[in-house]
Protein backbone atom coordinates (compact mmCIF):
# COMPACT_ATOMS: atom_id res chain seq x y z
CA MET A 1 77.67 44.40 16.67
CA LEU A 2 76.18 41.10 17.65
CA ASN A 3 73.16 39.52 15.96
CA ASP A 4 71.65 36.33 17.27
CA GLY A 5 68.39 36.60 15.37
CA CYS A 6 66.53 37.97 18.34
CA GLN A 7 68.45 41.06 19.26
CA THR A 8 71.04 43.43 17.85
CA ALA A 9 73.71 45.04 20.07
CA ASN A 10 75.96 47.96 19.12
CA TRP A 11 79.05 48.41 21.25
CA GLY A 12 81.17 51.55 21.54
CA LEU A 13 83.18 53.60 24.04
CA ARG A 14 82.18 56.79 25.66
CA THR A 15 83.53 58.83 28.53
CA ASN A 16 81.48 59.42 31.58
CA GLY A 17 81.79 62.41 33.84
CA GLY A 18 84.72 60.89 35.68
CA GLY A 19 86.81 60.56 32.58
CA PHE A 20 86.73 56.83 32.60
CA PRO A 21 85.72 55.34 29.37
CA ARG A 22 82.97 52.81 29.44
CA PRO A 23 81.27 50.80 26.79
CA ALA A 24 78.14 52.19 25.25
CA PHE A 25 75.71 49.86 23.52
CA ARG A 26 72.27 49.86 22.04
CA ILE A 27 70.10 46.72 21.98
CA ARG A 28 67.32 46.26 19.42
CA TYR A 29 64.99 43.32 19.89
CA SER A 30 63.28 41.64 16.94
CA ALA A 31 60.85 38.70 16.77
CA PRO A 32 62.14 35.29 15.65
CA ARG A 33 61.91 34.59 11.97
CA TRP A 34 59.18 31.94 12.33
CA VAL A 35 57.00 34.40 14.23
CA ALA A 36 57.51 37.05 11.62
CA ALA A 37 56.72 34.59 8.88
CA LYS A 38 53.53 33.56 10.67
CA ARG A 39 52.40 37.14 11.01
CA CYS A 40 52.98 37.79 7.35
CA CYS A 41 51.20 34.63 6.03
CA ALA A 42 47.66 34.78 4.38
CA PHE A 43 45.56 32.69 1.97
CA THR A 44 46.05 33.37 -1.66
CA LEU A 45 43.06 33.73 -3.98
CA ILE A 46 43.48 30.19 -5.31
CA GLU A 47 43.69 28.75 -1.80
CA THR A 48 40.56 30.64 -0.79
CA LEU A 49 38.66 29.35 -3.82
CA LEU A 50 39.77 25.78 -3.17
CA ALA A 51 38.69 25.99 0.47
CA ALA A 52 35.30 27.38 -0.54
CA SER A 53 34.87 24.61 -3.12
CA VAL A 54 35.70 21.86 -0.64
CA THR A 55 33.31 23.36 1.92
CA SER A 56 30.55 23.54 -0.68
CA LEU A 57 31.10 19.91 -1.72
CA VAL A 58 30.96 18.71 1.87
CA ALA A 59 27.77 20.70 2.50
CA VAL A 60 26.10 19.38 -0.67
CA ALA A 61 27.09 15.81 0.21
CA GLY A 62 25.64 16.20 3.69
CA VAL A 63 22.36 17.60 2.39
CA THR A 64 22.15 14.82 -0.20
CA MET A 65 22.65 12.14 2.43
CA VAL A 66 19.98 13.64 4.68
CA PHE A 67 17.57 13.91 1.76
CA ALA A 68 18.25 10.31 0.69
CA ALA A 69 17.69 9.02 4.20
CA THR A 70 14.46 10.99 4.51
CA SER A 71 13.22 9.76 1.12
CA ALA A 72 14.04 6.15 1.99
CA ALA A 73 12.17 6.41 5.28
CA SER A 74 9.20 8.02 3.54
CA GLY A 75 9.22 5.33 0.82
CA THR A 76 9.31 2.60 3.44
CA ARG A 77 6.31 4.14 5.19
CA ASP A 78 4.42 4.40 1.87
CA VAL A 79 5.07 0.74 0.98
CA ARG A 80 4.07 -0.35 4.47
CA THR A 81 0.83 1.61 4.22
CA THR A 82 0.11 0.15 0.77
CA LYS A 83 0.70 -3.40 1.97
CA THR A 84 -1.53 -2.88 4.98
CA ALA A 85 -4.36 -1.53 2.80
CA GLY A 86 -3.95 -4.31 0.23
CA HIS A 87 -3.92 -7.12 2.78
CA TYR A 88 -6.99 -5.66 4.46
CA ALA A 89 -8.94 -5.66 1.18
CA LEU A 90 -7.66 -9.15 0.35
CA SER A 91 -8.74 -10.54 3.71
CA ARG A 92 -12.20 -8.95 3.46
CA MET A 93 -12.78 -10.35 -0.02
CA ALA A 94 -11.59 -13.82 0.93
CA LYS A 95 -13.71 -13.80 4.09
CA LYS A 96 -16.90 -12.88 2.25
CA ILE A 97 -16.32 -15.50 -0.44
CA ARG A 98 -15.52 -18.25 2.07
CA GLU A 99 -18.56 -17.46 4.18
CA ALA A 100 -20.91 -17.16 1.20
CA ARG A 101 -23.54 -19.80 0.59
CA VAL A 102 -23.42 -19.53 -3.19
CA ILE A 103 -21.17 -17.80 -5.71
CA GLY A 104 -23.45 -16.35 -8.34
CA GLU A 105 -21.45 -14.86 -11.20
CA VAL A 106 -17.75 -14.07 -11.41
CA THR A 107 -16.71 -11.51 -14.02
CA ALA A 108 -13.33 -9.91 -14.55
CA THR A 109 -14.19 -7.09 -12.14
CA SER A 110 -17.08 -8.34 -9.98
CA VAL A 111 -18.47 -11.30 -8.08
CA THR A 112 -22.04 -11.85 -6.89
CA LEU A 113 -22.62 -13.74 -3.64
CA TRP A 114 -25.53 -15.23 -1.76
CA LEU A 115 -24.11 -14.33 1.62
CA ASP A 116 -26.41 -16.29 3.90
CA ASP A 117 -29.96 -17.59 4.24
CA LEU A 118 -30.92 -15.20 6.99
CA ASN A 119 -34.62 -16.10 7.16
CA GLY A 120 -34.11 -19.83 6.65
CA ASP A 121 -36.42 -20.17 3.66
CA ASP A 122 -33.79 -21.77 1.37
CA THR A 123 -34.41 -18.96 -1.09
CA VAL A 124 -32.18 -16.10 -2.18
CA ASN A 125 -33.56 -12.75 -1.06
CA ALA A 126 -32.39 -9.25 -1.94
CA GLY A 127 -31.24 -8.58 1.62
CA GLU A 128 -29.01 -11.66 1.51
CA VAL A 129 -27.01 -10.76 -1.61
CA GLY A 130 -23.56 -9.17 -1.62
CA TYR A 131 -21.73 -7.70 -4.57
CA ILE A 132 -17.94 -7.21 -4.76
CA GLU A 133 -17.02 -4.75 -7.49
CA TYR A 134 -13.98 -2.91 -8.82
CA ASP A 135 -14.51 0.70 -9.89
CA PRO A 136 -11.74 1.48 -12.44
CA ILE A 137 -12.56 5.20 -12.48
CA ALA A 138 -12.37 5.76 -8.73
CA LYS A 139 -9.79 2.94 -8.45
CA GLN A 140 -11.63 1.37 -5.55
CA ILE A 141 -12.69 -2.09 -4.43
CA LEU A 142 -16.28 -1.88 -3.21
CA PHE A 143 -18.60 -4.17 -1.30
CA GLU A 144 -22.28 -3.52 -1.90
CA THR A 145 -25.40 -4.78 -0.15
CA LEU A 146 -29.03 -3.72 -0.06
CA ASP A 147 -29.60 -0.62 2.04
CA PRO A 148 -32.41 -1.41 4.50
CA ALA A 149 -33.62 2.20 4.17
CA SER A 150 -33.84 2.02 0.37
CA GLY A 151 -37.50 1.04 0.26
CA ILE A 152 -36.77 -2.30 -1.44
CA SER A 153 -37.98 -5.22 0.63
CA PRO A 154 -35.10 -7.35 1.96
CA GLY A 155 -37.35 -10.35 1.37
CA LEU A 156 -37.60 -9.70 -2.37
CA VAL A 157 -36.87 -13.02 -4.08
CA VAL A 158 -33.80 -13.13 -6.32
CA SER A 159 -34.11 -15.86 -8.91
CA PRO A 160 -31.14 -18.03 -9.89
CA SER A 161 -31.02 -16.37 -13.32
CA VAL A 162 -30.72 -12.94 -11.69
CA LEU A 163 -28.14 -14.07 -9.13
CA THR A 164 -25.92 -15.36 -11.92
CA ASP A 165 -26.31 -12.25 -14.08
CA SER A 166 -24.76 -9.14 -12.56
CA ALA A 167 -26.48 -6.88 -15.11
CA GLN A 168 -29.92 -8.12 -14.07
CA LEU A 169 -28.99 -7.88 -10.41
CA GLN A 170 -27.97 -4.26 -10.91
CA LEU A 171 -31.42 -3.57 -12.38
CA LEU A 172 -33.12 -5.32 -9.47
CA VAL A 173 -31.07 -3.46 -6.88
CA PRO A 174 -29.90 -0.12 -8.39
CA ASP A 175 -26.98 1.87 -7.02
CA SER A 176 -29.32 4.26 -5.22
CA ALA A 177 -30.61 1.36 -3.12
CA LYS A 178 -27.18 0.04 -2.09
CA SER A 179 -25.10 0.39 1.00
CA VAL A 180 -21.49 0.68 -0.19
CA VAL A 181 -18.30 0.00 1.78
CA THR A 182 -14.90 0.87 0.32
CA TRP A 183 -12.33 -1.84 0.98
CA ALA A 184 -9.36 -0.31 -0.87
CA ASP A 185 -8.34 2.90 -2.66
CA GLY A 186 -5.69 3.52 -5.29
CA VAL A 187 -6.20 0.14 -6.96
CA GLU A 188 -4.64 0.33 -10.40
CA ALA A 189 -5.96 -3.01 -11.69
CA LEU A 190 -8.05 -5.94 -10.52
CA THR A 191 -8.88 -9.31 -12.05
CA LEU A 192 -11.32 -11.92 -10.73
CA THR A 193 -11.55 -15.45 -12.08
CA GLY A 194 -14.05 -18.20 -11.30
CA TYR A 195 -13.35 -21.94 -11.57
CA PRO A 196 -15.43 -23.39 -13.09
CA SER A 197 -17.43 -20.53 -14.53
CA LEU A 198 -20.97 -19.81 -13.32
CA THR A 199 -23.42 -21.77 -11.18
CA GLU A 200 -21.05 -24.22 -9.59
CA THR A 201 -18.08 -21.96 -9.08
CA ARG A 202 -15.98 -23.47 -6.36
CA ILE A 203 -12.90 -21.23 -6.45
CA VAL A 204 -12.55 -17.49 -6.97
CA GLY A 205 -9.12 -16.16 -7.89
CA VAL A 206 -8.37 -12.58 -6.89
CA ARG A 207 -5.48 -10.45 -8.11
CA PHE A 208 -5.04 -6.69 -7.87
CA THR A 209 -2.30 -4.07 -7.65
CA ILE A 210 -2.01 -0.87 -5.65
CA GLY A 211 0.41 1.91 -6.51
CA VAL A 212 2.43 2.68 -9.63
CA GLY A 213 6.01 2.28 -10.75
CA ALA A 214 8.51 1.21 -8.12
CA ASP A 215 5.86 1.61 -5.40
CA GLN A 216 3.45 -0.86 -7.02
CA VAL A 217 2.50 -3.85 -4.86
CA ALA A 218 0.60 -6.91 -6.13
CA PHE A 219 -1.83 -8.96 -4.06
CA GLN A 220 -3.48 -12.26 -4.88
CA THR A 221 -5.39 -15.09 -3.24
CA THR A 222 -8.00 -17.75 -3.89
CA ALA A 223 -11.11 -18.51 -1.86
CA SER A 224 -13.91 -21.07 -1.88
CA PRO A 225 -17.24 -21.27 -0.06
CA ARG A 226 -17.05 -23.67 2.89
CA ALA A 227 -20.51 -25.15 2.31
CA PRO A 228 -21.98 -24.05 -1.01
CA GLY A 229 -25.76 -24.17 -1.31
CA ASP A 230 -26.12 -24.16 -5.09
CA TYR A 231 -27.92 -27.51 -4.83
CA LEU A 232 -30.93 -25.55 -3.61
CA PHE A 233 -31.55 -24.46 -7.20
CA VAL A 234 -31.84 -27.99 -8.55
CA PRO A 235 -34.87 -30.04 -7.45
CA GLN A 236 -33.12 -33.31 -8.30
CA ALA A 237 -30.38 -32.48 -5.80
CA ILE A 238 -32.69 -31.75 -2.87
CA ILE A 239 -33.96 -34.08 -0.15
CA PRO A 240 -37.20 -32.77 1.44
CA PRO A 241 -37.01 -31.78 5.11
CA ASN A 242 -37.20 -34.80 7.39
CA GLY A 243 -36.09 -33.35 10.70
CA PRO A 244 -37.15 -30.75 13.22
CA SER A 245 -35.11 -28.03 11.48
CA GLY A 246 -37.30 -28.09 8.38
CA ARG A 247 -34.29 -27.41 6.17
CA VAL A 248 -33.77 -29.25 2.93
CA LEU A 249 -30.67 -31.40 2.45
CA ARG A 250 -28.30 -32.09 -0.39
CA ARG A 251 -28.99 -35.37 -2.15
CA PHE A 252 -25.87 -35.50 -4.27
CA PHE A 253 -23.41 -33.23 -5.95
CA SER A 254 -24.57 -31.76 -9.20
CA ARG A 255 -22.96 -30.39 -12.32
CA TRP A 256 -24.55 -28.33 -15.06
CA ASP A 257 -23.66 -25.65 -17.60
CA GLY A 258 -26.06 -22.98 -16.42
CA PHE A 259 -29.40 -22.42 -14.83
CA GLY A 260 -30.95 -22.21 -18.26
CA ASP A 261 -29.84 -25.79 -18.82
CA ILE A 262 -31.28 -27.30 -15.65
CA MET A 263 -33.73 -29.46 -17.60
CA GLY A 264 -30.74 -31.28 -19.04
CA PHE A 265 -29.32 -31.93 -15.61
CA THR A 266 -27.40 -35.19 -15.36
CA PRO A 267 -26.47 -36.49 -11.90
CA LEU A 268 -22.99 -37.78 -11.36
């Protein structure tokens, strides 16, 4: 009997019909040992559990990475949108202040402006007044002017005392008579500062924030009127018209503590 691992042969003698003996053998084939081992192999319970655990960890890691990338992209878009909205409001506020003829009153949340002398009478009229206001309830920055369809005459004279008192100006031009434009939404806080305060304010400081927590973005700027016309309220500072335009001129720069103290005006 021979055995080479692949086949088994049995040898013997037998007699054929002619009486001559001849070898008789039987061959049995079997698969190599490595093939048999491969056919018999299978995962054990522990191996199966480990494979499932590794697969789960890889899947969770992949989902986490996709979610993180999506969140980062979304956060970037949100911050970009917030910055765009904030810079728009900041530019609108600065533009109105710089183009204004007079800064009336600056409070912590509002500023009153004589925007322009539209009819050329050197007098503040209701249709020429603008009001920048922060609404803490709606969290909005608003710009308000007289609505031409309100029934209030745009030529209504606004005295210096009213222009420099936002409460009186609100009574003169109530909310129902205003045209309101929203410059920014989602404003968490806003602070306005005038230097110096009242009547001869030359600089308005603006600071506000949009968003909360890690998404909060702060904005700030300062603005000054290019050619303030506050001298029009002080007779001592005015030169009568002497040219074809008929417009009064500034005699000298003035300084006072308030329109109620004009009688004590002292020229520099």
